[in-house]
PDB file of N, CA and C in Angstrom:
ATOM      1  N   MET A   1      63.877  87.790 -18.001  1.00  0.00           N
ATOM      2  CA  MET A   1      63.828  86.774 -16.960  1.00  0.00           C
ATOM      3  C   MET A   1      63.744  85.400 -17.620  1.00  0.00           C
ATOM      4  N   LYS A   2      64.507  84.479 -17.139  1.00  0.00           N
ATOM      5  CA  LYS A   2      64.545  83.125 -17.702  1.00  0.00           C
ATOM      6  C   LYS A   2      63.679  82.204 -16.845  1.00  0.00           C
ATOM      7  N   ILE A   3      62.772  81.522 -17.499  1.00  0.00           N
ATOM      8  CA  ILE A   3      61.940  80.526 -16.823  1.00  0.00           C
ATOM      9  C   ILE A   3      62.665  79.190 -16.944  1.00  0.00           C
ATOM     10  N   ASP A   4      62.946  78.570 -15.815  1.00  0.00           N
ATOM     11  CA  ASP A   4      63.670  77.303 -15.882  1.00  0.00           C
ATOM     12  C   ASP A   4      62.707  76.112 -15.939  1.00  0.00           C
ATOM     13  N   ILE A   5      63.279  74.953 -16.106  1.00  0.00           N
ATOM     14  CA  ILE A   5      62.515  73.718 -16.280  1.00  0.00           C
ATOM     15  C   ILE A   5      61.698  73.392 -15.020  1.00  0.00           C
ATOM     16  N   LYS A   6      62.235  73.721 -13.845  1.00  0.00           N
ATOM     17  CA  LYS A   6      61.519  73.428 -12.590  1.00  0.00           C
ATOM     18  C   LYS A   6      60.185  74.163 -12.533  1.00  0.00           C
ATOM     19  N   VAL A   7      60.174  75.390 -13.001  1.00  0.00           N
ATOM     20  CA  VAL A   7      58.927  76.171 -13.009  1.00  0.00           C
ATOM     21  C   VAL A   7      57.912  75.524 -13.945  1.00  0.00           C
ATOM     22  N   ILE A   8      58.363  75.098 -15.106  1.00  0.00           N
ATOM     23  CA  ILE A   8      57.471  74.455 -16.072  1.00  0.00           C
ATOM     24  C   ILE A   8      56.934  73.143 -15.510  1.00  0.00           C
ATOM     25  N   GLU A   9      57.788  72.382 -14.842  1.00  0.00           N
ATOM     26  CA  GLU A   9      57.338  71.124 -14.241  1.00  0.00           C
ATOM     27  C   GLU A   9      56.297  71.380 -13.155  1.00  0.00           C
ATOM     28  N   LYS A  10      56.504  72.420 -12.354  1.00  0.00           N
ATOM     29  CA  LYS A  10      55.529  72.750 -11.309  1.00  0.00           C
ATOM     30  C   LYS A  10      54.203  73.175 -11.944  1.00  0.00           C
ATOM     31  N   LEU A  11      54.277  73.985 -13.007  1.00  0.00           N
ATOM     32  CA  LEU A  11      53.053  74.398 -13.708  1.00  0.00           C
ATOM     33  C   LEU A  11      52.333  73.203 -14.326  1.00  0.00           C
ATOM     34  N   SER A  12      53.098  72.249 -14.839  1.00  0.00           N
ATOM     35  CA  SER A  12      52.471  71.070 -15.437  1.00  0.00           C
ATOM     36  C   SER A  12      51.750  70.237 -14.386  1.00  0.00           C
ATOM     37  N   VAL A  13      52.326  70.146 -13.199  1.00  0.00           N
ATOM     38  CA  VAL A  13      51.663  69.408 -12.116  1.00  0.00           C
ATOM     39  C   VAL A  13      50.395  70.139 -11.694  1.00  0.00           C
ATOM     40  N   LEU A  14      50.481  71.450 -11.530  1.00  0.00           N
ATOM     41  CA  LEU A  14      49.315  72.233 -11.112  1.00  0.00           C
ATOM     42  C   LEU A  14      48.193  72.189 -12.141  1.00  0.00           C
ATOM     43  N   SER A  15      48.563  72.196 -13.416  1.00  0.00           N
ATOM     44  CA  SER A  15      47.558  72.195 -14.474  1.00  0.00           C
ATOM     45  C   SER A  15      47.171  70.785 -14.916  1.00  0.00           C
ATOM     46  N   LYS A  16      47.832  69.775 -14.318  1.00  0.00           N
ATOM     47  CA  LYS A  16      47.576  68.367 -14.647  1.00  0.00           C
ATOM     48  C   LYS A  16      47.779  68.082 -16.136  1.00  0.00           C
ATOM     49  N   LEU A  17      48.859  68.678 -16.680  1.00  0.00           N
ATOM     50  CA  LEU A  17      49.236  68.452 -18.068  1.00  0.00           C
ATOM     51  C   LEU A  17      50.612  67.816 -18.104  1.00  0.00           C
ATOM     52  N   LYS A  18      50.856  67.039 -19.133  1.00  0.00           N
ATOM     53  CA  LYS A  18      52.171  66.427 -19.302  1.00  0.00           C
ATOM     54  C   LYS A  18      52.806  66.985 -20.568  1.00  0.00           C
ATOM     55  N   PHE A  19      54.072  67.378 -20.452  1.00  0.00           N
ATOM     56  CA  PHE A  19      54.794  67.945 -21.579  1.00  0.00           C
ATOM     57  C   PHE A  19      56.024  67.108 -21.871  1.00  0.00           C
ATOM     58  N   SER A  20      56.327  66.983 -23.133  1.00  0.00           N
ATOM     59  CA  SER A  20      57.579  66.329 -23.516  1.00  0.00           C
ATOM     60  C   SER A  20      58.730  67.299 -23.249  1.00  0.00           C
ATOM     61  N   GLU A  21      59.937  66.805 -23.383  1.00  0.00           N
ATOM     62  CA  GLU A  21      61.104  67.663 -23.147  1.00  0.00           C
ATOM     63  C   GLU A  21      61.145  68.816 -24.153  1.00  0.00           C
ATOM     64  N   LYS A  22      60.801  68.514 -25.391  1.00  0.00           N
ATOM     65  CA  LYS A  22      60.786  69.544 -26.434  1.00  0.00           C
ATOM     66  C   LYS A  22      59.723  70.603 -26.117  1.00  0.00           C
ATOM     67  N   GLU A  23      58.530  70.153 -25.710  1.00  0.00           N
ATOM     68  CA  GLU A  23      57.450  71.097 -25.370  1.00  0.00           C
ATOM     69  C   GLU A  23      57.837  71.940 -24.166  1.00  0.00           C
ATOM     70  N   THR A  24      58.491  71.315 -23.185  1.00  0.00           N
ATOM     71  CA  THR A  24      58.922  72.050 -21.993  1.00  0.00           C
ATOM     72  C   THR A  24      59.899  73.157 -22.363  1.00  0.00           C
ATOM     73  N   ASN A  25      60.821  72.858 -23.260  1.00  0.00           N
ATOM     74  CA  ASN A  25      61.779  73.885 -23.695  1.00  0.00           C
ATOM     75  C   ASN A  25      61.082  75.009 -24.446  1.00  0.00           C
ATOM     76  N   LEU A  26      60.132  74.664 -25.318  1.00  0.00           N
ATOM     77  CA  LEU A  26      59.394  75.694 -26.058  1.00  0.00           C
ATOM     78  C   LEU A  26      58.568  76.575 -25.117  1.00  0.00           C
ATOM     79  N   ILE A  27      57.904  75.941 -24.168  1.00  0.00           N
ATOM     80  CA  ILE A  27      57.100  76.701 -23.202  1.00  0.00           C
ATOM     81  C   ILE A  27      57.995  77.620 -22.384  1.00  0.00           C
ATOM     82  N   SER A  28      59.140  77.107 -21.979  1.00  0.00           N
ATOM     83  CA  SER A  28      60.086  77.917 -21.215  1.00  0.00           C
ATOM     84  C   SER A  28      60.520  79.151 -21.995  1.00  0.00           C
ATOM     85  N   GLU A  29      60.841  78.971 -23.267  1.00  0.00           N
ATOM     86  CA  GLU A  29      61.246  80.104 -24.106  1.00  0.00           C
ATOM     87  C   GLU A  29      60.111  81.107 -24.267  1.00  0.00           C
ATOM     88  N   ASP A  30      58.907  80.596 -24.529  1.00  0.00           N
ATOM     89  CA  ASP A  30      57.754  81.482 -24.738  1.00  0.00           C
ATOM     90  C   ASP A  30      57.425  82.281 -23.477  1.00  0.00           C
ATOM     91  N   LEU A  31      57.413  81.616 -22.337  1.00  0.00           N
ATOM     92  CA  LEU A  31      57.123  82.324 -21.083  1.00  0.00           C
ATOM     93  C   LEU A  31      58.200  83.354 -20.765  1.00  0.00           C
ATOM     94  N   SER A  32      59.438  83.010 -21.062  1.00  0.00           N
ATOM     95  CA  SER A  32      60.528  83.968 -20.833  1.00  0.00           C
ATOM     96  C   SER A  32      60.349  85.215 -21.697  1.00  0.00           C
ATOM     97  N   LYS A  33      59.975  85.012 -22.958  1.00  0.00           N
ATOM     98  CA  LYS A  33      59.729  86.157 -23.850  1.00  0.00           C
ATOM     99  C   LYS A  33      58.576  87.011 -23.341  1.00  0.00           C
ATOM    100  N   MET A  34      57.522  86.357 -22.871  1.00  0.00           N
ATOM    101  CA  MET A  34      56.366  87.110 -22.354  1.00  0.00           C
ATOM    102  C   MET A  34      56.745  87.941 -21.134  1.00  0.00           C
ATOM    103  N   LEU A  35      57.490  87.345 -20.222  1.00  0.00           N
ATOM    104  CA  LEU A  35      57.900  88.078 -19.025  1.00  0.00           C
ATOM    105  C   LEU A  35      58.840  89.228 -19.373  1.00  0.00           C
ATOM    106  N   ASP A  36      59.718  89.026 -20.333  1.00  0.00           N
ATOM    107  CA  ASP A  36      60.598  90.116 -20.776  1.00  0.00           C
ATOM    108  C   ASP A  36      59.783  91.272 -21.342  1.00  0.00           C
ATOM    109  N   PHE A  37      58.760  90.953 -22.120  1.00  0.00           N
ATOM    110  CA  PHE A  37      57.903  91.996 -22.677  1.00  0.00           C
ATOM    111  C   PHE A  37      57.170  92.745 -21.566  1.00  0.00           C
ATOM    112  N   ILE A  38      56.653  92.021 -20.591  1.00  0.00           N
ATOM    113  CA  ILE A  38      55.953  92.664 -19.467  1.00  0.00           C
ATOM    114  C   ILE A  38      56.905  93.573 -18.699  1.00  0.00           C
ATOM    115  N   ASN A  39      58.128  93.129 -18.509  1.00  0.00           N
ATOM    116  CA  ASN A  39      59.114  93.965 -17.812  1.00  0.00           C
ATOM    117  C   ASN A  39      59.452  95.210 -18.612  1.00  0.00           C
ATOM    118  N   LYS A  40      59.460  95.118 -19.939  1.00  0.00           N
ATOM    119  CA  LYS A  40      59.680  96.315 -20.760  1.00  0.00           C
ATOM    120  C   LYS A  40      58.521  97.293 -20.597  1.00  0.00           C
ATOM    121  N   LEU A  41      57.315  96.778 -20.479  1.00  0.00           N
ATOM    122  CA  LEU A  41      56.154  97.659 -20.293  1.00  0.00           C
ATOM    123  C   LEU A  41      56.243  98.423 -18.976  1.00  0.00           C
ATOM    124  N   LYS A  42      56.881  97.837 -17.983  1.00  0.00           N
ATOM    125  CA  LYS A  42      57.039  98.522 -16.694  1.00  0.00           C
ATOM    126  C   LYS A  42      57.912  99.769 -16.830  1.00  0.00           C
ATOM    127  N   GLU A  43      58.762  99.796 -17.851  1.00  0.00           N
ATOM    128  CA  GLU A  43      59.655 100.937 -18.054  1.00  0.00           C
ATOM    129  C   GLU A  43      58.955 102.134 -18.690  1.00  0.00           C
ATOM    130  N   VAL A  44      57.785 101.944 -19.260  1.00  0.00           N
ATOM    131  CA  VAL A  44      57.075 103.017 -19.943  1.00  0.00           C
ATOM    132  C   VAL A  44      56.521 103.998 -18.910  1.00  0.00           C
ATOM    133  N   ASP A  45      56.768 105.293 -19.155  1.00  0.00           N
ATOM    134  CA  ASP A  45      56.281 106.333 -18.253  1.00  0.00           C
ATOM    135  C   ASP A  45      54.802 106.605 -18.536  1.00  0.00           C
ATOM    136  N   THR A  46      53.957 106.273 -17.581  1.00  0.00           N
ATOM    137  CA  THR A  46      52.510 106.470 -17.748  1.00  0.00           C
ATOM    138  C   THR A  46      51.957 107.460 -16.730  1.00  0.00           C
ATOM    139  N   ALA A  47      52.822 108.334 -16.225  1.00  0.00           N
ATOM    140  CA  ALA A  47      52.415 109.264 -15.173  1.00  0.00           C
ATOM    141  C   ALA A  47      51.297 110.200 -15.624  1.00  0.00           C
ATOM    142  N   ASP A  48      51.355 110.694 -16.866  1.00  0.00           N
ATOM    143  CA  ASP A  48      50.359 111.661 -17.334  1.00  0.00           C
ATOM    144  C   ASP A  48      49.271 111.027 -18.191  1.00  0.00           C
ATOM    145  N   VAL A  49      49.129 109.728 -18.137  1.00  0.00           N
ATOM    146  CA  VAL A  49      48.143 109.035 -18.961  1.00  0.00           C
ATOM    147  C   VAL A  49      46.910 108.725 -18.122  1.00  0.00           C
ATOM    148  N   GLU A  50      45.759 109.149 -18.629  1.00  0.00           N
ATOM    149  CA  GLU A  50      44.497 108.873 -17.929  1.00  0.00           C
ATOM    150  C   GLU A  50      44.124 107.397 -18.099  1.00  0.00           C
ATOM    151  N   PRO A  51      43.643 106.758 -17.045  1.00  0.00           N
ATOM    152  CA  PRO A  51      43.218 105.360 -17.199  1.00  0.00           C
ATOM    153  C   PRO A  51      41.967 105.268 -18.071  1.00  0.00           C
ATOM    154  N   LEU A  52      41.867 104.185 -18.825  1.00  0.00           N
ATOM    155  CA  LEU A  52      40.730 103.978 -19.712  1.00  0.00           C
ATOM    156  C   LEU A  52      39.712 103.051 -19.063  1.00  0.00           C
ATOM    157  N   ILE A  53      38.457 103.348 -19.312  1.00  0.00           N
ATOM    158  CA  ILE A  53      37.404 102.432 -18.884  1.00  0.00           C
ATOM    159  C   ILE A  53      37.150 101.436 -20.001  1.00  0.00           C
ATOM    160  N   HIS A  54      37.205 101.936 -21.247  1.00  0.00           N
ATOM    161  CA  HIS A  54      37.015 101.092 -22.423  1.00  0.00           C
ATOM    162  C   HIS A  54      38.200 101.299 -23.361  1.00  0.00           C
ATOM    163  N   MET A  55      38.407 100.362 -24.261  1.00  0.00           N
ATOM    164  CA  MET A  55      39.527 100.458 -25.183  1.00  0.00           C
ATOM    165  C   MET A  55      39.340 101.558 -26.223  1.00  0.00           C
ATOM    166  N   ASN A  56      38.121 101.874 -26.562  1.00  0.00           N
ATOM    167  CA  ASN A  56      37.889 102.953 -27.518  1.00  0.00           C
ATOM    168  C   ASN A  56      36.849 103.901 -26.941  1.00  0.00           C
ATOM    169  N   GLU A  57      36.712 105.044 -27.556  1.00  0.00           N
ATOM    170  CA  GLU A  57      35.819 106.060 -27.021  1.00  0.00           C
ATOM    171  C   GLU A  57      34.469 106.076 -27.707  1.00  0.00           C
ATOM    172  N   GLU A  58      34.197 105.072 -28.525  1.00  0.00           N
ATOM    173  CA  GLU A  58      32.912 105.016 -29.205  1.00  0.00           C
ATOM    174  C   GLU A  58      31.801 104.727 -28.202  1.00  0.00           C
ATOM    175  N   ILE A  59      30.663 105.297 -28.486  1.00  0.00           N
ATOM    176  CA  ILE A  59      29.500 105.104 -27.621  1.00  0.00           C
ATOM    177  C   ILE A  59      28.435 104.398 -28.426  1.00  0.00           C
ATOM    178  N   ASN A  60      27.779 103.430 -27.805  1.00  0.00           N
ATOM    179  CA  ASN A  60      26.691 102.742 -28.490  1.00  0.00           C
ATOM    180  C   ASN A  60      25.511 103.690 -28.674  1.00  0.00           C
ATOM    181  N   ASN A  61      25.024 103.730 -29.870  1.00  0.00           N
ATOM    182  CA  ASN A  61      23.835 104.516 -30.140  1.00  0.00           C
ATOM    183  C   ASN A  61      22.643 103.571 -30.124  1.00  0.00           C
ATOM    184  N   TRP A  62      22.038 103.464 -28.969  1.00  0.00           N
ATOM    185  CA  TRP A  62      20.900 102.573 -28.831  1.00  0.00           C
ATOM    186  C   TRP A  62      19.662 103.219 -29.421  1.00  0.00           C
ATOM    187  N   ARG A  63      18.786 102.419 -29.961  1.00  0.00           N
ATOM    188  CA  ARG A  63      17.518 102.926 -30.459  1.00  0.00           C
ATOM    189  C   ARG A  63      16.422 102.040 -29.915  1.00  0.00           C
ATOM    190  N   GLU A  64      15.278 102.592 -29.798  1.00  0.00           N
ATOM    191  CA  GLU A  64      14.130 101.818 -29.340  1.00  0.00           C
ATOM    192  C   GLU A  64      13.672 100.896 -30.456  1.00  0.00           C
ATOM    193  N   ASP A  65      13.263  99.700 -30.099  1.00  0.00           N
ATOM    194  CA  ASP A  65      12.695  98.789 -31.086  1.00  0.00           C
ATOM    195  C   ASP A  65      11.355  99.344 -31.548  1.00  0.00           C
ATOM    196  N   GLN A  66      11.135  99.246 -32.833  1.00  0.00           N
ATOM    197  CA  GLN A  66       9.872  99.724 -33.380  1.00  0.00           C
ATOM    198  C   GLN A  66       9.172  98.579 -34.081  1.00  0.00           C
ATOM    199  N   LEU A  67       7.893  98.425 -33.784  1.00  0.00           N
ATOM    200  CA  LEU A  67       7.109  97.404 -34.451  1.00  0.00           C
ATOM    201  C   LEU A  67       6.777  97.859 -35.854  1.00  0.00           C
ATOM    202  N   ASP A  68       6.907  96.952 -36.787  1.00  0.00           N
ATOM    203  CA  ASP A  68       6.560  97.219 -38.164  1.00  0.00           C
ATOM    204  C   ASP A  68       5.462  96.237 -38.538  1.00  0.00           C
ATOM    205  N   GLN A  69       5.085  96.232 -39.773  1.00  0.00           N
ATOM    206  CA  GLN A  69       4.065  95.298 -40.196  1.00  0.00           C
ATOM    207  C   GLN A  69       4.553  93.880 -39.991  1.00  0.00           C
ATOM    208  N   MET A  70       3.711  93.057 -39.422  1.00  0.00           N
ATOM    209  CA  MET A  70       4.071  91.666 -39.194  1.00  0.00           C
ATOM    210  C   MET A  70       3.551  90.813 -40.348  1.00  0.00           C
ATOM    211  N   LEU A  71       4.333  89.787 -40.692  1.00  0.00           N
ATOM    212  CA  LEU A  71       3.905  88.852 -41.719  1.00  0.00           C
ATOM    213  C   LEU A  71       2.901  87.870 -41.131  1.00  0.00           C
ATOM    214  N   GLY A  72       1.879  87.615 -41.876  1.00  0.00           N
ATOM    215  CA  GLY A  72       0.958  86.571 -41.471  1.00  0.00           C
ATOM    216  C   GLY A  72       1.546  85.211 -41.805  1.00  0.00           C
ATOM    217  N   GLN A  73       0.947  84.173 -41.254  1.00  0.00           N
ATOM    218  CA  GLN A  73       1.471  82.830 -41.458  1.00  0.00           C
ATOM    219  C   GLN A  73       1.463  82.425 -42.933  1.00  0.00           C
ATOM    220  N   THR A  74       0.403  82.695 -43.628  1.00  0.00           N
ATOM    221  CA  THR A  74       0.322  82.309 -45.044  1.00  0.00           C
ATOM    222  C   THR A  74       1.316  83.097 -45.876  1.00  0.00           C
ATOM    223  N   LYS A  75       1.491  84.382 -45.581  1.00  0.00           N
ATOM    224  CA  LYS A  75       2.439  85.215 -46.325  1.00  0.00           C
ATOM    225  C   LYS A  75       3.874  84.722 -46.087  1.00  0.00           C
ATOM    226  N   ALA A  76       4.179  84.353 -44.850  1.00  0.00           N
ATOM    227  CA  ALA A  76       5.521  83.875 -44.530  1.00  0.00           C
ATOM    228  C   ALA A  76       5.804  82.547 -45.220  1.00  0.00           C
ATOM    229  N   LEU A  77       4.813  81.691 -45.329  1.00  0.00           N
ATOM    230  CA  LEU A  77       4.999  80.382 -45.940  1.00  0.00           C
ATOM    231  C   LEU A  77       5.063  80.438 -47.466  1.00  0.00           C
ATOM    232  N   GLU A  78       4.704  81.554 -48.070  1.00  0.00           N
ATOM    233  CA  GLU A  78       4.715  81.671 -49.526  1.00  0.00           C
ATOM    234  C   GLU A  78       6.109  81.448 -50.111  1.00  0.00           C
ATOM    235  N   ASN A  79       7.145  81.874 -49.415  1.00  0.00           N
ATOM    236  CA  ASN A  79       8.516  81.769 -49.926  1.00  0.00           C
ATOM    237  C   ASN A  79       9.206  80.461 -49.539  1.00  0.00           C
ATOM    238  N   SER A  80       8.538  79.617 -48.808  1.00  0.00           N
ATOM    239  CA  SER A  80       9.140  78.367 -48.363  1.00  0.00           C
ATOM    240  C   SER A  80       9.147  77.353 -49.504  1.00  0.00           C
ATOM    241  N   PRO A  81      10.310  76.756 -49.786  1.00  0.00           N
ATOM    242  CA  PRO A  81      10.354  75.754 -50.847  1.00  0.00           C
ATOM    243  C   PRO A  81       9.588  74.481 -50.461  1.00  0.00           C
ATOM    244  N   VAL A  82       9.609  74.137 -49.183  1.00  0.00           N
ATOM    245  CA  VAL A  82       8.894  72.946 -48.713  1.00  0.00           C
ATOM    246  C   VAL A  82       8.146  73.323 -47.445  1.00  0.00           C
ATOM    247  N   LYS A  83       6.878  73.001 -47.401  1.00  0.00           N
ATOM    248  CA  LYS A  83       6.084  73.285 -46.205  1.00  0.00           C
ATOM    249  C   LYS A  83       5.233  72.074 -45.861  1.00  0.00           C
ATOM    250  N   ASP A  84       4.858  71.994 -44.616  1.00  0.00           N
ATOM    251  CA  ASP A  84       4.043  70.888 -44.128  1.00  0.00           C
ATOM    252  C   ASP A  84       2.820  71.503 -43.454  1.00  0.00           C
ATOM    253  N   GLY A  85       1.794  71.723 -44.213  1.00  0.00           N
ATOM    254  CA  GLY A  85       0.597  72.359 -43.658  1.00  0.00           C
ATOM    255  C   GLY A  85       0.864  73.811 -43.339  1.00  0.00           C
ATOM    256  N   THR A  86       0.973  74.111 -42.065  1.00  0.00           N
ATOM    257  CA  THR A  86       1.191  75.499 -41.646  1.00  0.00           C
ATOM    258  C   THR A  86       2.592  75.706 -41.054  1.00  0.00           C
ATOM    259  N   TYR A  87       3.526  74.795 -41.369  1.00  0.00           N
ATOM    260  CA  TYR A  87       4.883  74.876 -40.830  1.00  0.00           C
ATOM    261  C   TYR A  87       5.911  74.819 -41.956  1.00  0.00           C
ATOM    262  N   PHE A  88       7.089  75.408 -41.702  1.00  0.00           N
ATOM    263  CA  PHE A  88       8.220  75.233 -42.603  1.00  0.00           C
ATOM    264  C   PHE A  88       8.739  73.810 -42.428  1.00  0.00           C
ATOM    265  N   LYS A  89       9.112  73.162 -43.489  1.00  0.00           N
ATOM    266  CA  LYS A  89       9.701  71.837 -43.393  1.00  0.00           C
ATOM    267  C   LYS A  89      11.175  71.972 -43.769  1.00  0.00           C
ATOM    268  N   ILE A  90      12.046  71.566 -42.840  1.00  0.00           N
ATOM    269  CA  ILE A  90      13.482  71.704 -43.047  1.00  0.00           C
ATOM    270  C   ILE A  90      14.144  70.342 -42.868  1.00  0.00           C
ATOM    271  N   PRO A  91      15.360  70.179 -43.387  1.00  0.00           N
ATOM    272  CA  PRO A  91      16.065  68.910 -43.196  1.00  0.00           C
ATOM    273  C   PRO A  91      16.379  68.678 -41.717  1.00  0.00           C
ATOM    274  N   LYS A  92      16.474  67.406 -41.329  1.00  0.00           N
ATOM    275  CA  LYS A  92      16.783  67.038 -39.950  1.00  0.00           C
ATOM    276  C   LYS A  92      18.186  67.552 -39.620  1.00  0.00           C
ATOM    277  N   VAL A  93      18.309  68.183 -38.466  1.00  0.00           N
ATOM    278  CA  VAL A  93      19.595  68.751 -38.048  1.00  0.00           C
ATOM    279  C   VAL A  93      20.247  67.853 -37.002  1.00  0.00           C
ATOM    280  N   LEU A  94      19.482  67.378 -36.055  1.00  0.00           N
ATOM    281  CA  LEU A  94      20.018  66.556 -34.978  1.00  0.00           C
ATOM    282  C   LEU A  94      19.608  65.112 -35.172  1.00  0.00           C
ATOM    283  N   ASP A  95      20.544  64.224 -34.896  1.00  0.00           N
ATOM    284  CA  ASP A  95      20.266  62.798 -34.973  1.00  0.00           C
ATOM    285  C   ASP A  95      20.056  62.291 -33.556  1.00  0.00           C
ATOM    286  N   LYS A  96      18.952  61.656 -33.280  1.00  0.00           N
ATOM    287  CA  LYS A  96      18.623  61.218 -31.909  1.00  0.00           C
ATOM    288  C   LYS A  96      19.188  59.838 -31.573  1.00  0.00           C
ATOM    289  N   SER A  97      20.123  59.333 -32.342  1.00  0.00           N
ATOM    290  CA  SER A  97      20.653  58.003 -32.043  1.00  0.00           C
ATOM    291  C   SER A  97      21.755  58.030 -31.024  1.00  0.00           C
TER     292      SER A  97
END
């Protein structure tokens, strides 16, 4: 199926986008290729194919969270290169200006 320029112009108005003539031609070609591919998929016989709920048949193996030994504040701060009393000191990430 060939997508003509009028369709692209209507889509550009609906999407509030502006395309150059070159972009319009490229979009027209790309959409035409996509529609041709979709039409080819319609030809595939899927009569005996079961519909899928998920793309693969893997199942998540969930596990319960288990509490382990917790680090105390002093133990956690031992590995910190820079600390400020009882806190980690890190470089400023956000600038408030």
